[in-house]
Amino acid sequence: MRTSNLLPTQIFTLSLETTRSVCRPLGHVIGEGAPSYFGGWLRACIFFLNLAFLCGISCGERCPTVAPPAREDAVPCAPCSILLPGGMGEGDLEQFLQNVSQDNLREYAHTLCAPDFAGRGFGTPGGKRAAEFILGKLREFGYSNAAFVPVPSGVYEGVDKEGQNIEALWFGTDPQPGASPEKYLIFCAHYDHVGESATQSGVYYPGADDNASSVAILLEIARVLQMLPAGEPKTAVLFLFFDGEELGLLGSRYWVGKPTIPREKIVAVVNLEMNGGLDERHGLYFFGTTTGTNLKEWAQWCNLRENPLRLKFPFSALLRSDHAVFPHFDIPVLMVASSCPAVYHTPKDTADRLNYEGMEKITKCALKLAIGGAYADGRFSTLHKDWRAKSRNPQQDEVILKDFFHTEEKIPL
């Protein structure tokens, strides 16, 4: 029986008639000796049960907004459905994150901070060795498309050296020949640092937290992504290792001006910056959630299910790193960072000081974010047109940035 077209009065009348037809034979069964209030109570119960039943059918048929059953392979609780490859479910995804290796993170960071790399200054021999190390690792992981993208000398006033960006594209572990991504999600980190001391011979700045920590995380994400089951994602992940950030975002500014992919196909940029100092009090910062839709929801979704991290979402986009160049081209951004240590930009920022357990947790979160973004059945994010206004809250920023740039311990130089 369809009741979607019945008026409320008709539903009431139908409920009353049904109650009478049910109670009439029940009266003979109960017998004359039953108390009068019992029959009234019974009739009232049957009436309201009928009314609720008929109203429920009517509302259910009138309101086709009830969501269809979710696909079994769709991971819930994300801003949009995520259809993972190989029939993976949410539990499988959490298990997959265990492929992240803390030992690998330690190896990458210690190598980048070694004396041979001499602080990875832009255009220096140490910087070139660092670029070659990163490119070699990407090719070792199976990225045959990994390549240098030169940052020419003479482009910027006062800069007479050439640098090297490095990029590698991930579009599933077994992409179809000739497949061309319709969308790109960029994961980036700068690998340069400030090089050697200009006043003290033989002294260099290792730049472990800034930013060997994030380069190590990005390399490990690139490695583990290659272990996913075969399946073409909705969105390609472009890994970018920028040079020249310390001299004024040279590598990212040059790349966004001469991009290797169509800018209009970039759905968002996730920049990793200084991720070697995670601690309980400061937690993990996601700057830039105010620049685009769903960014905060994505950040919350990528948190670990077991021992979740404390996440912070400042209003500020903290446009002091490579992500800063992208919102001007209508591209939303996130900057993922732990906190700025007291050894920032000093020779004491060494690889042995990094919190590798914390880096492992951040890697898992960022890897989950990359997988979710790649297999999202919808757009990752869209720029807030008023992102400039949304990304400024002087009162809150003053507190959060003071917390971020903490200098509690005194480090002798």
Protein backbone atom coordinates (compact mmCIF):
# COMPACT_ATOMS: atom_id res chain seq x y z
CA MET A 1 0.00 0.00 0.00
CA ARG A 2 1.37 3.44 -0.95
CA THR A 3 0.72 6.19 1.58
CA SER A 4 3.01 8.91 0.20
CA ASN A 5 0.06 10.86 -1.19
CA LEU A 6 -2.19 10.62 1.90
CA LEU A 7 -3.00 13.73 3.87
CA PRO A 8 -2.44 13.75 7.67
CA THR A 9 -6.22 13.58 8.27
CA GLN A 10 -6.48 10.52 6.03
CA ILE A 11 -3.64 8.82 7.90
CA PHE A 12 -5.41 9.56 11.23
CA THR A 13 -8.73 8.14 9.97
CA LEU A 14 -7.06 5.04 8.54
CA SER A 15 -5.27 4.43 11.87
CA LEU A 16 -8.57 4.73 13.76
CA GLU A 17 -10.40 2.31 11.44
CA THR A 18 -7.55 -0.20 11.62
CA THR A 19 -7.60 -0.01 15.44
CA ARG A 20 -11.36 -0.71 15.53
CA SER A 21 -11.08 -3.66 13.15
CA VAL A 22 -8.26 -5.17 15.26
CA CYS A 23 -9.84 -4.49 18.67
CA ARG A 24 -13.31 -5.84 17.78
CA PRO A 25 -12.24 -9.52 17.53
CA LEU A 26 -9.78 -9.04 20.41
CA GLY A 27 -12.69 -8.03 22.63
CA HIS A 28 -14.18 -11.52 22.21
CA VAL A 29 -10.83 -13.12 22.98
CA ILE A 30 -10.23 -11.04 26.13
CA GLY A 31 -13.72 -11.68 27.41
CA GLU A 32 -16.32 -9.65 29.25
CA GLY A 33 -14.62 -10.07 32.62
CA ALA A 34 -11.60 -7.96 31.71
CA PRO A 35 -11.39 -4.52 33.40
CA SER A 36 -12.68 -1.68 31.23
CA TYR A 37 -9.44 0.28 31.48
CA PHE A 38 -7.51 -2.66 29.97
CA GLY A 39 -9.47 -2.49 26.74
CA GLY A 40 -8.96 1.28 26.52
CA TRP A 41 -5.23 0.92 27.12
CA LEU A 42 -4.99 -1.78 24.45
CA ARG A 43 -6.93 0.28 21.90
CA ALA A 44 -4.70 3.32 22.55
CA CYS A 45 -1.53 1.27 22.05
CA ILE A 46 -2.73 -0.24 18.81
CA PHE A 47 -3.89 3.16 17.52
CA PHE A 48 -0.54 4.87 18.12
CA LEU A 49 1.41 1.93 16.70
CA ASN A 50 -0.66 2.14 13.54
CA LEU A 51 -0.21 5.90 13.36
CA ALA A 52 3.57 5.68 13.75
CA PHE A 53 3.79 2.90 11.18
CA LEU A 54 1.76 4.75 8.54
CA CYS A 55 3.57 8.05 9.14
CA GLY A 56 6.89 6.28 8.82
CA ILE A 57 5.96 4.77 5.47
CA SER A 58 4.62 8.08 4.24
CA CYS A 59 7.74 10.04 5.21
CA GLY A 60 10.06 7.39 3.87
CA GLU A 61 8.39 7.42 0.46
CA ARG A 62 8.17 11.19 0.27
CA CYS A 63 11.81 11.81 1.20
CA PRO A 64 14.14 10.23 -1.35
CA THR A 65 17.11 11.92 0.38
CA VAL A 66 17.98 8.85 2.42
CA ALA A 67 21.54 7.93 1.43
CA PRO A 68 21.99 4.67 -0.46
CA PRO A 69 24.05 1.98 1.26
CA ALA A 70 27.76 2.83 1.11
CA ARG A 71 29.99 0.68 -1.04
CA GLU A 72 31.88 -1.84 1.05
CA ASP A 73 35.20 -0.62 -0.39
CA ALA A 74 34.50 3.03 0.41
CA VAL A 75 36.38 4.46 3.39
CA PRO A 76 33.96 6.47 5.58
CA CYS A 77 34.47 9.70 7.51
CA ALA A 78 36.42 11.52 4.78
CA PRO A 79 35.10 14.70 3.09
CA CYS A 80 34.11 12.51 0.12
CA SER A 81 34.06 8.81 -0.75
CA ILE A 82 37.45 7.14 -1.17
CA LEU A 83 37.52 4.11 -3.44
CA LEU A 84 40.75 2.31 -2.62
CA PRO A 85 42.51 -0.08 -5.02
CA GLY A 86 42.53 -3.85 -4.69
CA GLY A 87 39.37 -3.96 -2.58
CA MET A 88 41.14 -2.32 0.38
CA GLY A 89 38.97 -1.17 3.26
CA GLU A 90 39.67 1.22 6.10
CA GLY A 91 41.27 -1.47 8.24
CA ASP A 92 43.51 -2.48 5.34
CA LEU A 93 44.56 1.14 4.88
CA GLU A 94 45.57 1.48 8.54
CA GLN A 95 47.55 -1.74 8.22
CA PHE A 96 49.19 -0.50 5.01
CA LEU A 97 50.57 2.51 6.88
CA GLN A 98 52.75 0.12 8.88
CA ASN A 99 55.02 -0.14 5.83
CA VAL A 100 56.55 3.19 6.89
CA SER A 101 60.07 2.57 8.19
CA GLN A 102 61.62 4.65 10.94
CA ASP A 103 65.03 3.25 9.96
CA ASN A 104 64.61 4.64 6.44
CA LEU A 105 63.70 8.06 7.79
CA ARG A 106 66.83 8.03 9.92
CA GLU A 107 69.00 6.98 6.97
CA TYR A 108 67.66 9.70 4.65
CA ALA A 109 68.01 12.46 7.26
CA HIS A 110 71.52 11.49 8.35
CA THR A 111 72.67 11.33 4.74
CA LEU A 112 71.27 14.78 3.91
CA CYS A 113 72.94 16.26 7.00
CA ALA A 114 76.35 14.68 6.36
CA PRO A 115 79.47 16.88 6.00
CA ASP A 116 79.69 16.04 2.28
CA PHE A 117 76.44 17.92 1.76
CA ALA A 118 77.78 20.96 3.71
CA GLY A 119 74.39 22.43 4.54
CA ARG A 120 72.87 21.98 1.06
CA GLY A 121 73.28 25.61 0.02
CA PHE A 122 71.61 26.73 -3.22
CA GLY A 123 73.90 26.20 -6.21
CA THR A 124 76.73 24.74 -4.08
CA PRO A 125 78.46 21.38 -4.56
CA GLY A 126 76.73 20.14 -1.39
CA GLY A 127 73.35 21.23 -2.74
CA LYS A 128 74.01 19.37 -5.99
CA ARG A 129 74.99 16.21 -4.09
CA ALA A 130 71.73 16.44 -2.17
CA ALA A 131 69.76 16.76 -5.41
CA GLU A 132 71.54 13.72 -6.87
CA PHE A 133 70.84 11.73 -3.70
CA ILE A 134 67.11 12.52 -3.87
CA LEU A 135 66.89 11.74 -7.59
CA GLY A 136 68.78 8.47 -7.06
CA LYS A 137 66.39 7.39 -4.31
CA LEU A 138 63.31 8.17 -6.41
CA ARG A 139 64.65 6.08 -9.27
CA GLU A 140 65.53 3.32 -6.83
CA PHE A 141 61.86 3.35 -5.74
CA GLY A 142 60.77 2.82 -9.35
CA TYR A 143 60.04 6.37 -10.51
CA SER A 144 61.42 6.24 -14.03
CA ASN A 145 59.91 9.69 -14.64
CA ALA A 146 61.93 11.31 -11.83
CA ALA A 147 63.94 14.23 -13.19
CA PHE A 148 65.77 17.45 -12.45
CA VAL A 149 63.94 20.69 -13.24
CA PRO A 150 66.63 23.41 -13.39
CA VAL A 151 66.26 26.79 -11.70
CA PRO A 152 68.46 28.91 -14.03
CA SER A 153 70.93 31.51 -12.82
CA GLY A 154 70.22 35.15 -13.61
CA VAL A 155 66.46 34.80 -13.17
CA TYR A 156 66.48 36.53 -9.80
CA GLU A 157 68.42 39.67 -9.02
CA GLY A 158 71.63 38.97 -7.14
CA VAL A 159 71.45 35.19 -7.71
CA ASP A 160 74.17 34.03 -10.09
CA LYS A 161 73.97 30.29 -9.38
CA GLU A 162 71.82 27.55 -10.87
CA GLY A 163 69.72 25.31 -8.66
CA GLN A 164 67.77 22.11 -9.21
CA ASN A 165 64.20 21.22 -8.38
CA ILE A 166 63.45 17.49 -8.49
CA GLU A 167 60.09 16.00 -9.39
CA ALA A 168 58.50 12.57 -9.74
CA LEU A 169 54.95 11.63 -10.73
CA TRP A 170 52.92 8.84 -9.12
CA PHE A 171 49.81 7.72 -10.99
CA GLY A 172 49.15 4.31 -9.51
CA THR A 173 51.49 1.35 -9.26
CA ASP A 174 50.51 -0.02 -12.68
CA PRO A 175 49.28 2.91 -14.81
CA GLN A 176 47.77 2.17 -18.20
CA PRO A 177 49.98 3.06 -21.19
CA GLY A 178 49.20 6.58 -22.35
CA ALA A 179 47.07 7.34 -19.28
CA SER A 180 46.95 11.07 -18.59
CA PRO A 181 45.88 12.40 -15.17
CA GLU A 182 42.94 14.79 -15.08
CA LYS A 183 43.92 16.13 -11.64
CA TYR A 184 47.12 16.53 -9.65
CA LEU A 185 47.79 16.75 -5.92
CA ILE A 186 51.23 18.18 -5.15
CA PHE A 187 53.29 17.03 -2.17
CA CYS A 188 56.41 19.14 -1.75
CA ALA A 189 59.30 20.00 0.55
CA HIS A 190 62.40 22.13 0.11
CA TYR A 191 65.71 20.29 0.42
CA ASP A 192 68.09 23.26 0.49
CA HIS A 193 69.41 24.89 3.66
CA VAL A 194 71.72 27.82 4.39
CA GLY A 195 74.99 26.04 3.59
CA GLU A 196 78.29 26.90 5.26
CA SER A 197 79.14 29.65 7.73
CA ALA A 198 80.39 32.83 6.09
CA THR A 199 82.47 33.76 9.14
CA GLN A 200 83.73 30.45 10.56
CA SER A 201 85.82 28.19 8.37
CA GLY A 202 84.70 24.55 8.31
CA VAL A 203 81.38 25.27 10.05
CA TYR A 204 78.20 24.35 8.22
CA TYR A 205 74.49 24.29 9.02
CA PRO A 206 73.16 20.72 8.73
CA GLY A 207 69.49 21.77 8.52
CA ALA A 208 68.16 18.54 10.01
CA ASP A 209 64.78 19.86 11.14
CA ASP A 210 64.83 22.53 8.42
CA ASN A 211 64.26 20.65 6.22
CA ALA A 212 65.94 17.25 5.97
CA SER A 213 63.18 15.93 8.23
CA SER A 214 60.47 16.73 5.67
CA VAL A 215 62.54 15.54 2.70
CA ALA A 216 62.99 12.22 4.50
CA ILE A 217 59.22 12.01 5.07
CA LEU A 218 58.48 12.83 1.43
CA LEU A 219 60.93 10.19 0.19
CA GLU A 220 59.36 7.57 2.44
CA ILE A 221 55.86 8.47 1.22
CA ALA A 222 57.08 8.08 -2.38
CA ARG A 223 58.58 4.67 -1.54
CA VAL A 224 55.54 3.27 0.27
CA LEU A 225 53.04 4.52 -2.34
CA GLN A 226 54.69 2.17 -4.81
CA MET A 227 53.56 -0.75 -2.62
CA LEU A 228 49.84 -0.10 -3.10
CA PRO A 229 47.82 -2.66 -5.06
CA ALA A 230 47.45 -1.92 -8.78
CA GLY A 231 44.65 0.49 -9.58
CA GLU A 232 44.44 3.80 -11.37
CA PRO A 233 43.74 6.65 -8.95
CA LYS A 234 41.41 9.55 -9.62
CA THR A 235 44.22 12.04 -8.98
CA ALA A 236 47.95 11.82 -9.62
CA VAL A 237 50.44 12.75 -6.90
CA LEU A 238 53.32 14.96 -8.01
CA PHE A 239 56.32 14.98 -5.70
CA LEU A 240 58.30 18.21 -5.80
CA PHE A 241 61.59 18.79 -3.96
CA PHE A 242 62.27 22.51 -4.17
CA ASP A 243 65.64 24.25 -4.17
CA GLY A 244 66.34 27.82 -3.05
CA GLU A 245 63.60 28.19 -0.44
CA GLU A 246 66.01 29.78 2.01
CA LEU A 247 66.93 32.52 -0.49
CA GLY A 248 63.32 33.54 -1.08
CA LEU A 249 61.30 30.60 -2.46
CA LEU A 250 63.40 30.59 -5.65
CA GLY A 251 62.58 27.04 -6.75
CA SER A 252 58.83 27.18 -6.10
CA ARG A 253 58.49 30.66 -7.62
CA TYR A 254 60.24 29.53 -10.78
CA TRP A 255 58.26 26.27 -10.98
CA VAL A 256 54.84 27.88 -10.57
CA GLY A 257 55.78 30.38 -13.29
CA LYS A 258 56.89 27.59 -15.63
CA PRO A 259 54.99 24.54 -14.37
CA THR A 260 55.59 21.07 -15.77
CA ILE A 261 51.87 20.27 -15.51
CA PRO A 262 48.79 22.43 -16.24
CA ARG A 263 48.20 24.69 -13.24
CA GLU A 264 44.43 24.48 -13.65
CA LYS A 265 44.60 20.73 -12.97
CA ILE A 266 46.24 21.13 -9.55
CA VAL A 267 43.64 20.51 -6.84
CA ALA A 268 45.83 21.38 -3.84
CA VAL A 269 49.40 21.63 -2.56
CA VAL A 270 50.62 19.96 0.64
CA ASN A 271 53.93 21.41 1.80
CA LEU A 272 56.01 19.66 4.46
CA GLU A 273 58.17 22.01 6.53
CA MET A 274 60.24 21.33 9.68
CA ASN A 275 58.82 18.04 10.93
CA GLY A 276 61.57 16.74 13.19
CA GLY A 277 60.41 18.22 16.48
CA LEU A 278 57.01 16.65 17.20
CA ASP A 279 56.10 16.67 20.89
CA GLU A 280 52.98 16.15 22.99
CA ARG A 281 52.51 19.81 23.90
CA HIS A 282 52.88 21.36 20.47
CA GLY A 283 51.33 18.62 18.36
CA LEU A 284 51.15 18.80 14.56
CA TYR A 285 50.22 22.05 12.81
CA PHE A 286 48.15 22.27 9.64
CA PHE A 287 48.58 25.82 8.36
CA GLY A 288 46.40 26.96 5.45
CA THR A 289 43.15 25.12 6.17
CA THR A 290 41.41 28.49 5.65
CA THR A 291 42.59 28.70 2.03
CA GLY A 292 40.31 25.97 0.68
CA THR A 293 37.23 23.84 1.25
CA ASN A 294 37.51 20.51 3.10
CA LEU A 295 41.15 21.01 4.07
CA LYS A 296 40.52 20.82 7.80
CA GLU A 297 38.29 17.77 7.31
CA TRP A 298 41.02 16.05 5.28
CA ALA A 299 43.60 16.83 7.96
CA GLN A 300 41.35 15.38 10.67
CA TRP A 301 40.63 12.28 8.59
CA CYS A 302 44.32 11.51 8.04
CA ASN A 303 45.06 11.39 11.77
CA LEU A 304 46.12 8.03 13.16
CA ARG A 305 43.40 5.77 14.56
CA GLU A 306 45.69 4.40 17.28
CA ASN A 307 47.52 6.99 19.38
CA PRO A 308 46.19 9.95 17.34
CA LEU A 309 48.26 13.10 17.17
CA ARG A 310 47.21 16.40 18.67
CA LEU A 311 46.32 18.54 15.63
CA LYS A 312 46.33 22.35 15.49
CA PHE A 313 44.62 24.49 12.86
CA PRO A 314 45.81 28.12 12.97
CA PHE A 315 43.94 30.75 10.98
CA SER A 316 47.26 31.77 9.52
CA ALA A 317 48.41 30.15 6.29
CA LEU A 318 51.97 31.05 7.42
CA LEU A 319 53.04 32.04 3.93
CA ARG A 320 56.76 31.77 4.67
CA SER A 321 57.50 28.61 2.71
CA ASP A 322 57.02 27.17 -0.77
CA HIS A 323 53.24 26.76 -0.53
CA ALA A 324 52.96 30.57 -0.43
CA VAL A 325 53.19 30.93 -4.23
CA PHE A 326 50.18 28.77 -5.06
CA PRO A 327 47.03 30.51 -3.70
CA HIS A 328 47.71 33.41 -6.08
CA PHE A 329 46.91 30.91 -8.87
CA ASP A 330 43.65 29.75 -7.21
CA ILE A 331 45.26 26.65 -5.67
CA PRO A 332 44.47 25.83 -2.01
CA VAL A 333 47.38 24.89 0.24
CA LEU A 334 48.29 23.08 3.43
CA MET A 335 51.57 23.36 5.30
CA VAL A 336 52.28 20.47 7.67
CA ALA A 337 54.80 21.26 10.40
CA SER A 338 55.66 20.19 13.93
CA SER A 339 57.31 23.15 15.70
CA CYS A 340 60.33 25.36 15.29
CA PRO A 341 63.13 24.28 17.66
CA ALA A 342 65.58 26.50 19.46
CA VAL A 343 68.35 25.23 17.16
CA TYR A 344 66.63 26.70 14.09
CA HIS A 345 69.26 27.93 11.59
CA THR A 346 72.21 27.04 13.80
CA PRO A 347 75.01 24.44 13.43
CA LYS A 348 73.28 22.54 16.26
CA ASP A 349 70.35 21.49 14.03
CA THR A 350 71.78 18.00 13.57
CA ALA A 351 70.20 14.69 12.55
CA ASP A 352 70.78 13.07 15.94
CA ARG A 353 68.40 15.61 17.53
CA LEU A 354 65.40 14.64 15.40
CA ASN A 355 62.41 12.84 16.88
CA TYR A 356 62.23 9.84 14.52
CA GLU A 357 59.28 8.27 16.30
CA GLY A 358 57.39 11.50 15.74
CA MET A 359 58.56 11.64 12.11
CA GLU A 360 57.21 8.13 11.59
CA LYS A 361 53.78 9.23 12.86
CA ILE A 362 53.80 12.33 10.64
CA THR A 363 54.81 10.19 7.65
CA LYS A 364 51.85 7.89 8.25
CA CYS A 365 49.45 10.83 8.47
CA ALA A 366 50.83 12.46 5.32
CA LEU A 367 50.85 9.12 3.46
CA LYS A 368 47.21 8.57 4.40
CA LEU A 369 46.44 12.08 3.15
CA ALA A 370 48.19 11.33 -0.16
CA ILE A 371 46.27 8.07 -0.61
CA GLY A 372 42.96 9.67 0.33
CA GLY A 373 43.55 12.54 -2.06
CA ALA A 374 44.59 10.22 -4.89
CA TYR A 375 41.55 7.95 -4.60
CA ALA A 376 38.97 10.54 -3.56
CA ASP A 377 35.79 10.20 -5.60
CA GLY A 378 35.42 13.96 -5.83
CA ARG A 379 37.45 17.15 -5.81
CA PHE A 380 40.01 17.35 -2.99
CA SER A 381 39.50 21.06 -2.33
CA THR A 382 38.49 24.36 -3.93
CA LEU A 383 40.09 27.70 -3.13
CA HIS A 384 38.17 30.08 -0.88
CA LYS A 385 37.89 33.25 -2.94
CA ASP A 386 38.29 35.30 0.24
CA TRP A 387 41.24 33.20 1.41
CA ARG A 388 43.29 36.30 2.26
CA ALA A 389 40.71 37.49 4.78
CA LYS A 390 40.11 33.97 6.08
CA SER A 391 43.85 33.40 6.62
CA ARG A 392 44.34 36.39 8.89
CA ASN A 393 43.37 36.54 12.52
CA PRO A 394 46.04 38.67 14.22
CA GLN A 395 45.04 37.78 17.78
CA GLN A 396 45.02 34.03 17.25
CA ASP A 397 48.07 34.11 14.99
CA GLU A 398 50.12 35.96 17.59
CA VAL A 399 49.44 33.19 20.11
CA ILE A 400 49.88 30.28 17.73
CA LEU A 401 53.06 31.58 16.10
CA LYS A 402 54.62 32.33 19.47
CA ASP A 403 53.82 28.73 20.37
CA PHE A 404 55.24 27.48 17.07
CA PHE A 405 58.50 29.43 17.23
CA HIS A 406 59.26 28.38 20.78
CA THR A 407 62.76 28.81 22.18
CA GLU A 408 62.60 27.14 25.55
CA GLU A 409 66.04 25.54 25.64
CA LYS A 410 69.19 27.62 25.43
CA ILE A 411 71.66 26.32 22.87
CA PRO A 412 75.26 27.52 23.04
CA LEU A 413 76.52 28.45 19.61
